């Protein structure tokens, strides 16, 4: 069958677009495309993900125990199970100290060998056998030097970053759950329920959070769990305000009125209709909440109200850098890591805001 020629003035691109078989993108695909167009946010997401992977492998990359060791034909994996010293030619039945000169001399014998991590230091190992006084400057053994207690800075940064990020994830997750619950109740039911809960929240937020932390730190032993509980008591309020505003706006839309007229329960309307259309401010706010959580933990550790000394902490490094101003290798890498982390989270938050902004094509 003959095909009619194109009418005059019709461009080929229009014909290809009209008769093409490309399917329209879903809302999630369009959001991902908008996210990718923000180059700073897109690459910040990959860099931050790489930092998370590196910190998750901290025991493999930085540890004072070998990954694999062979002594007189016996194969050991000290990174998972540290053998007693007597199994390696020592005198005691305690766990092996792999920096002990006697153990090092035994593995220097022919037939014995070990494979150490790239950085042979853990976050709690102390350099007992170095010649320089602590804090020691950077060297071939300690790439960024040691702190005032003789602990390796690279290991403290690696493990401390992981503790800070996991704490931020946990605190943000708890805040999201509590904030969504409180904001949804206020915004959906409105009226007296909203006014009553809003007055209660105002009374609750008037409690001085720092004083409460000081009181509990003097009564209980500081720990990650205690900090998580105390900060979670106040961290949900800001997220609840955003959720409340979105629920107040969406509860009066036509599709919500139609669902209510069809006889759906309040729980069904909230879960199926109002909540999915109210998550945009919450999602775009998450990276900024994470950065605030990281800075809160650093500030509390700096003040001595954070995690116990046995837990690696970025705030502890900041405090040591302040106390040892001549030891630039303590404060400079810590400050650089904090700045990079805050910038990455900020760029990711900006990209998420662009991704969920439907006004951008």
Protein backbone atom coordinates (compact mmCIF):
# COMPACT_ATOMS: atom_id res chain seq x y z
CA UNK A 1 0.00 0.00 0.00
CA UNK A 2 1.37 3.42 -0.83
CA UNK A 3 2.10 5.79 2.03
CA UNK A 4 1.03 9.42 1.69
CA UNK A 5 3.91 11.88 1.81
CA UNK A 6 4.25 14.18 4.82
CA UNK A 7 2.28 17.40 4.60
CA UNK A 8 4.31 20.45 3.91
CA UNK A 9 5.68 22.16 7.00
CA UNK A 10 5.40 19.16 9.36
CA UNK A 11 8.80 18.41 10.91
CA UNK A 12 10.03 14.84 11.11
CA UNK A 13 10.56 15.12 14.90
CA UNK A 14 6.84 15.68 15.42
CA UNK A 15 5.97 12.56 13.43
CA UNK A 16 8.49 10.43 15.33
CA UNK A 17 7.18 11.69 18.66
CA UNK A 18 3.59 11.01 17.68
CA UNK A 19 4.04 7.53 16.30
CA UNK A 20 6.82 6.47 18.70
CA UNK A 21 6.37 3.60 21.09
CA UNK A 22 8.04 5.25 24.12
CA UNK A 23 5.94 4.88 27.24
CA UNK A 24 5.38 7.84 29.56
CA UNK A 25 7.52 7.84 32.68
CA UNK A 26 6.00 7.12 36.07
CA UNK A 27 6.08 9.81 38.80
CA UNK A 28 9.00 8.05 40.51
CA UNK A 29 10.95 7.91 37.25
CA UNK A 30 10.35 11.60 36.63
CA UNK A 31 11.47 12.37 40.19
CA UNK A 32 14.67 10.37 39.65
CA UNK A 33 15.36 12.25 36.41
CA UNK A 34 14.91 15.58 38.21
CA UNK A 35 17.24 14.33 40.95
CA UNK A 36 19.91 13.35 38.40
CA UNK A 37 19.74 16.76 36.77
CA UNK A 38 21.05 18.25 39.99
CA UNK A 39 24.68 17.28 39.44
CA UNK A 40 25.88 18.30 42.90
CA UNK A 41 23.19 16.25 44.61
CA UNK A 42 23.58 13.25 42.30
CA UNK A 43 27.32 12.91 42.80
CA UNK A 44 27.03 13.76 46.48
CA UNK A 45 24.72 10.76 46.86
CA UNK A 46 27.30 8.44 45.31
CA UNK A 47 30.17 9.90 47.34
CA UNK A 48 28.16 9.60 50.55
CA UNK A 49 27.22 6.01 49.68
CA UNK A 50 30.91 5.21 49.10
CA UNK A 51 31.77 6.71 52.49
CA UNK A 52 29.10 4.53 54.10
CA UNK A 53 30.52 1.41 52.44
CA UNK A 54 34.06 2.26 53.57
CA UNK A 55 32.91 2.89 57.14
CA UNK A 56 30.93 -0.37 57.14
CA UNK A 57 34.18 -2.19 56.29
CA UNK A 58 36.10 -0.46 59.09
CA UNK A 59 37.15 -3.72 60.75
CA UNK A 60 38.59 -4.97 57.46
CA UNK A 61 40.35 -1.74 56.53
CA UNK A 62 41.61 -0.65 59.94
CA UNK A 63 42.30 -3.20 62.66
CA UNK A 64 45.16 -4.12 64.97
CA UNK A 65 44.40 -7.82 64.40
CA UNK A 66 45.41 -9.57 61.16
CA UNK A 67 42.86 -10.68 58.61
CA UNK A 68 44.52 -14.08 58.26
CA UNK A 69 47.46 -15.61 60.16
CA UNK A 70 49.33 -18.90 59.84
CA UNK A 71 51.44 -20.21 62.72
CA UNK A 72 53.17 -23.61 62.42
CA UNK A 73 50.69 -24.80 59.85
CA UNK A 74 47.61 -23.68 61.80
CA UNK A 75 45.39 -21.13 60.05
CA UNK A 76 43.71 -18.41 62.15
CA UNK A 77 41.25 -15.62 61.35
CA UNK A 78 41.87 -13.18 64.24
CA UNK A 79 39.54 -10.57 62.80
CA UNK A 80 36.63 -12.87 63.68
CA UNK A 81 38.06 -14.90 66.58
CA UNK A 82 41.23 -13.80 68.33
CA UNK A 83 43.17 -16.90 69.55
CA UNK A 84 44.85 -17.00 72.98
CA UNK A 85 48.51 -16.08 73.20
CA UNK A 86 49.64 -19.58 74.17
CA UNK A 87 48.44 -20.87 70.77
CA UNK A 88 51.00 -18.59 69.12
CA UNK A 89 54.00 -19.32 71.33
CA UNK A 90 53.17 -16.86 74.11
CA UNK A 91 52.98 -17.35 77.85
CA UNK A 92 49.40 -16.30 78.69
CA UNK A 93 45.93 -17.59 77.93
CA UNK A 94 44.55 -14.11 77.31
CA UNK A 95 43.64 -12.80 73.85
CA UNK A 96 46.66 -12.15 71.66
CA UNK A 97 48.12 -8.67 71.45
CA UNK A 98 49.34 -8.58 67.86
CA UNK A 99 51.58 -5.57 68.53
CA UNK A 100 53.55 -7.46 71.21
CA UNK A 101 57.22 -7.69 70.08
CA UNK A 102 57.29 -11.39 71.07
CA UNK A 103 54.33 -12.22 68.78
CA UNK A 104 55.83 -10.11 66.01
CA UNK A 105 59.13 -11.98 66.37
CA UNK A 106 57.39 -15.36 66.18
CA UNK A 107 55.71 -14.42 62.91
CA UNK A 108 59.03 -13.24 61.51
CA UNK A 109 60.23 -16.85 61.60
CA UNK A 110 60.17 -18.84 58.34
CA UNK A 111 56.86 -20.58 57.67
CA UNK A 112 54.79 -18.21 59.78
CA UNK A 113 52.96 -15.34 58.13
CA UNK A 114 50.07 -12.91 58.58
CA UNK A 115 48.03 -10.56 56.38
CA UNK A 116 47.28 -7.28 58.10
CA UNK A 117 44.63 -4.68 57.14
CA UNK A 118 45.82 -1.63 55.19
CA UNK A 119 45.82 0.41 58.41
CA UNK A 120 47.05 -1.88 61.23
CA UNK A 121 45.28 0.02 64.01
CA UNK A 122 41.84 -0.16 65.57
CA UNK A 123 39.93 2.69 67.17
CA UNK A 124 40.94 1.62 70.68
CA UNK A 125 44.47 0.32 70.13
CA UNK A 126 47.23 2.36 71.77
CA UNK A 127 50.73 2.72 70.31
CA UNK A 128 52.71 1.59 73.35
CA UNK A 129 55.95 0.97 71.47
CA UNK A 130 56.39 4.20 69.53
CA UNK A 131 59.29 6.52 70.32
CA UNK A 132 57.54 9.90 69.90
CA UNK A 133 55.43 11.35 72.74
CA UNK A 134 51.67 11.56 72.21
CA UNK A 135 50.11 13.14 70.30
CA UNK A 136 52.61 11.95 67.71
CA UNK A 137 52.80 13.60 64.26
CA UNK A 138 51.98 11.73 61.03
CA UNK A 139 54.40 8.97 60.09
CA UNK A 140 54.62 5.86 57.96
CA UNK A 141 53.12 3.84 60.83
CA UNK A 142 50.37 6.34 61.72
CA UNK A 143 49.31 8.12 58.55
CA UNK A 144 47.59 11.01 60.35
CA UNK A 145 49.45 10.69 63.64
CA UNK A 146 48.01 9.78 67.03
CA UNK A 147 45.81 11.57 69.54
CA UNK A 148 46.68 12.48 73.12
CA UNK A 149 46.10 8.87 74.22
CA UNK A 150 48.25 7.30 71.50
CA UNK A 151 45.35 6.10 69.34
CA UNK A 152 45.53 6.24 65.56
CA UNK A 153 43.70 9.22 64.03
CA UNK A 154 42.72 7.39 60.83
CA UNK A 155 41.08 4.60 62.80
CA UNK A 156 39.32 7.06 65.11
CA UNK A 157 37.96 8.98 62.12
CA UNK A 158 36.81 5.84 60.33
CA UNK A 159 35.06 4.29 63.31
CA UNK A 160 33.81 7.64 64.62
CA UNK A 161 32.20 8.49 61.29
CA UNK A 162 30.34 5.19 61.34
CA UNK A 163 29.08 5.77 64.88
CA UNK A 164 27.91 9.28 63.96
CA UNK A 165 26.10 8.21 60.80
CA UNK A 166 24.39 5.21 62.42
CA UNK A 167 23.29 7.45 65.28
CA UNK A 168 21.95 9.98 62.77
CA UNK A 169 20.03 7.27 60.89
CA UNK A 170 18.48 5.97 64.12
CA UNK A 171 17.58 9.42 65.46
CA UNK A 172 16.11 10.51 62.12
CA UNK A 173 14.10 7.29 61.79
CA UNK A 174 12.58 7.64 65.25
CA UNK A 175 11.84 11.31 64.61
CA UNK A 176 10.12 10.47 61.33
CA UNK A 177 7.84 7.88 62.95
CA UNK A 178 6.88 10.10 65.89
CA UNK A 179 6.62 13.23 63.74
CA UNK A 180 4.41 11.53 61.18
CA UNK A 181 2.12 10.15 63.86
CA UNK A 182 1.71 13.42 65.76
CA UNK A 183 1.46 15.62 62.66
CA UNK A 184 -1.05 13.30 60.98
CA UNK A 185 -3.37 13.35 63.97
CA UNK A 186 -3.16 17.14 64.27
CA UNK A 187 -3.59 17.88 60.60
CA UNK A 188 -6.27 15.33 59.72
CA UNK A 189 -8.65 15.82 62.66
CA UNK A 190 -7.86 19.56 63.09
CA UNK A 191 -10.23 21.54 65.32
CA UNK A 192 -9.96 20.93 69.03
CA UNK A 193 -7.64 17.96 68.56
CA UNK A 194 -5.16 20.17 66.73
CA UNK A 195 -5.39 23.02 69.23
CA UNK A 196 -5.01 20.72 72.24
CA UNK A 197 -2.01 18.85 70.84
CA UNK A 198 -0.40 22.08 69.68
CA UNK A 199 -0.60 23.55 73.21
CA UNK A 200 0.86 20.32 74.65
CA UNK A 201 3.72 20.42 72.13
CA UNK A 202 4.46 24.03 73.05
CA UNK A 203 4.64 23.08 76.72
CA UNK A 204 6.86 20.09 75.90
CA UNK A 205 9.30 22.11 73.80
CA UNK A 206 9.64 24.68 76.59
CA UNK A 207 11.62 22.10 78.61
CA UNK A 208 15.34 22.98 78.29
CA UNK A 209 16.83 20.05 76.42
CA UNK A 210 20.43 20.74 77.39
CA UNK A 211 19.63 20.89 81.10
CA UNK A 212 17.79 17.60 80.80
CA UNK A 213 20.84 16.02 79.17
CA UNK A 214 23.11 17.34 81.92
CA UNK A 215 20.82 15.95 84.64
CA UNK A 216 20.58 12.49 83.07
CA UNK A 217 24.33 12.42 82.35
CA UNK A 218 24.99 13.00 86.04
CA UNK A 219 22.60 10.21 87.09
CA UNK A 220 23.24 7.53 84.46
CA UNK A 221 26.38 6.40 82.68
CA UNK A 222 26.50 8.07 79.22
CA UNK A 223 25.73 5.73 76.34
CA UNK A 224 24.48 5.76 72.78
CA UNK A 225 21.11 4.38 73.88
CA UNK A 226 20.59 7.08 76.51
CA UNK A 227 21.46 9.84 74.03
CA UNK A 228 19.16 8.34 71.42
CA UNK A 229 16.21 8.25 73.83
CA UNK A 230 16.76 11.77 75.16
CA UNK A 231 17.26 13.41 71.77
CA UNK A 232 14.32 11.48 70.28
CA UNK A 233 12.02 13.04 72.88
CA UNK A 234 12.48 16.42 71.17
CA UNK A 235 13.70 15.60 67.66
CA UNK A 236 10.25 14.83 66.23
CA UNK A 237 8.68 18.25 66.83
CA UNK A 238 10.03 19.94 63.71
CA UNK A 239 8.98 17.05 61.49
CA UNK A 240 5.50 17.05 63.05
CA UNK A 241 5.01 20.69 62.03
CA UNK A 242 5.67 19.91 58.37
CA UNK A 243 3.38 16.88 58.43
CA UNK A 244 0.61 18.83 60.18
CA UNK A 245 0.71 21.56 57.53
CA UNK A 246 0.50 19.04 54.68
CA UNK A 247 -2.38 17.14 56.29
CA UNK A 248 -4.28 20.36 56.90
CA UNK A 249 -3.95 21.21 53.22
CA UNK A 250 -4.74 17.76 51.81
CA UNK A 251 -7.67 16.90 54.08
CA UNK A 252 -9.88 19.40 52.23
CA UNK A 253 -9.07 18.21 48.70
CA UNK A 254 -11.70 16.61 46.51
CA UNK A 255 -10.30 13.07 46.45
CA UNK A 256 -10.31 12.97 50.27
CA UNK A 257 -13.92 14.15 50.38
CA UNK A 258 -14.83 11.50 47.80
CA UNK A 259 -13.13 8.77 49.84
CA UNK A 260 -14.98 9.91 52.94
CA UNK A 261 -18.29 9.88 51.02
CA UNK A 262 -17.61 6.30 49.89
CA UNK A 263 -17.51 5.22 53.54
CA UNK A 264 -13.78 4.65 54.02
CA UNK A 265 -12.57 4.81 57.60
CA UNK A 266 -10.25 7.53 58.84
CA UNK A 267 -7.37 5.07 59.00
CA UNK A 268 -7.90 4.02 55.37
CA UNK A 269 -8.17 7.60 54.18
CA UNK A 270 -5.00 8.62 56.02
CA UNK A 271 -2.98 5.60 54.91
CA UNK A 272 -4.14 5.38 51.28
CA UNK A 273 -4.82 8.96 50.26
CA UNK A 274 -3.56 11.69 52.57
CA UNK A 275 -0.23 10.26 53.74
CA UNK A 276 1.24 9.44 50.27
CA UNK A 277 0.48 13.00 49.16
CA UNK A 278 2.01 14.54 52.29
CA UNK A 279 5.45 12.90 52.31
CA UNK A 280 7.26 15.32 50.00
CA UNK A 281 8.32 17.86 52.67
CA UNK A 282 9.23 15.02 55.01
CA UNK A 283 11.48 13.28 52.47
CA UNK A 284 13.23 16.47 51.40
CA UNK A 285 13.83 17.36 55.03
CA UNK A 286 15.54 14.07 55.97
CA UNK A 287 19.14 14.89 54.91
CA UNK A 288 19.01 18.12 56.91
CA UNK A 289 17.74 16.22 59.94
CA UNK A 290 20.62 13.77 59.58
CA UNK A 291 23.19 16.58 59.46
CA UNK A 292 21.61 18.12 62.57
CA UNK A 293 21.81 14.73 64.34
CA UNK A 294 25.51 14.36 63.48
CA UNK A 295 26.29 17.85 64.75
CA UNK A 296 24.27 17.22 67.92
CA UNK A 297 26.31 14.11 68.73
CA UNK A 298 29.58 15.92 68.00
CA UNK A 299 28.57 18.86 70.21
CA UNK A 300 27.54 16.61 73.10
CA UNK A 301 30.77 14.59 72.84
CA UNK A 302 32.74 17.83 72.80
CA UNK A 303 31.00 18.91 76.02
CA UNK A 304 31.59 15.51 77.64
CA UNK A 305 27.88 14.60 77.64
CA UNK A 306 27.97 12.14 74.77
CA UNK A 307 29.20 8.61 74.32
CA UNK A 308 31.59 6.94 76.81
CA UNK A 309 35.34 7.25 76.18
CA UNK A 310 35.56 3.68 74.87
CA UNK A 311 33.37 4.57 71.87
CA UNK A 312 35.18 6.36 69.00
CA UNK A 313 33.76 9.82 68.52
CA UNK A 314 34.35 12.78 66.25
CA UNK A 315 33.43 15.11 69.10
CA UNK A 316 36.20 13.62 71.22
CA UNK A 317 38.69 14.40 68.46
CA UNK A 318 37.41 17.99 68.29
CA UNK A 319 37.88 18.31 72.05
CA UNK A 320 41.41 16.91 71.84
CA UNK A 321 42.20 19.25 68.95
CA UNK A 322 41.11 22.20 71.09
CA UNK A 323 43.28 21.00 73.96
CA UNK A 324 46.30 20.39 71.67
CA UNK A 325 46.34 23.31 69.26
CA UNK A 326 49.90 22.54 68.19
CA UNK A 327 48.83 19.06 67.02
CA UNK A 328 47.19 20.19 63.78
CA UNK A 329 46.82 16.57 62.60
CA UNK A 330 44.01 16.06 65.12
CA UNK A 331 41.67 18.96 64.40
CA UNK A 332 42.28 19.48 60.68
CA UNK A 333 41.22 16.00 59.38
CA UNK A 334 38.29 15.92 61.82
CA UNK A 335 37.07 19.34 60.73
CA UNK A 336 37.51 18.40 57.06
CA UNK A 337 35.48 15.20 57.50
CA UNK A 338 32.65 17.07 59.24
CA UNK A 339 32.57 19.79 56.57
CA UNK A 340 32.51 17.25 53.73
CA UNK A 341 29.74 15.25 55.42
CA UNK A 342 27.58 18.33 56.00
CA UNK A 343 28.09 19.52 52.41
CA UNK A 344 27.17 16.13 50.96
CA UNK A 345 23.99 15.90 53.04
CA UNK A 346 23.05 19.48 52.11
CA UNK A 347 23.52 18.84 48.38
CA UNK A 348 21.49 15.62 48.65
CA UNK A 349 18.70 17.52 50.39
CA UNK A 350 18.67 20.19 47.68
CA UNK A 351 18.48 17.50 44.99
CA UNK A 352 15.61 15.77 46.78
CA UNK A 353 13.76 19.07 46.97
CA UNK A 354 14.16 19.50 43.20
CA UNK A 355 13.16 15.88 42.58
CA UNK A 356 9.83 16.20 44.38
CA UNK A 357 9.05 19.64 43.02
CA UNK A 358 6.46 18.81 40.33
CA UNK A 359 6.63 22.35 38.94
CA UNK A 360 9.99 21.47 37.38
CA UNK A 361 9.66 19.63 34.10
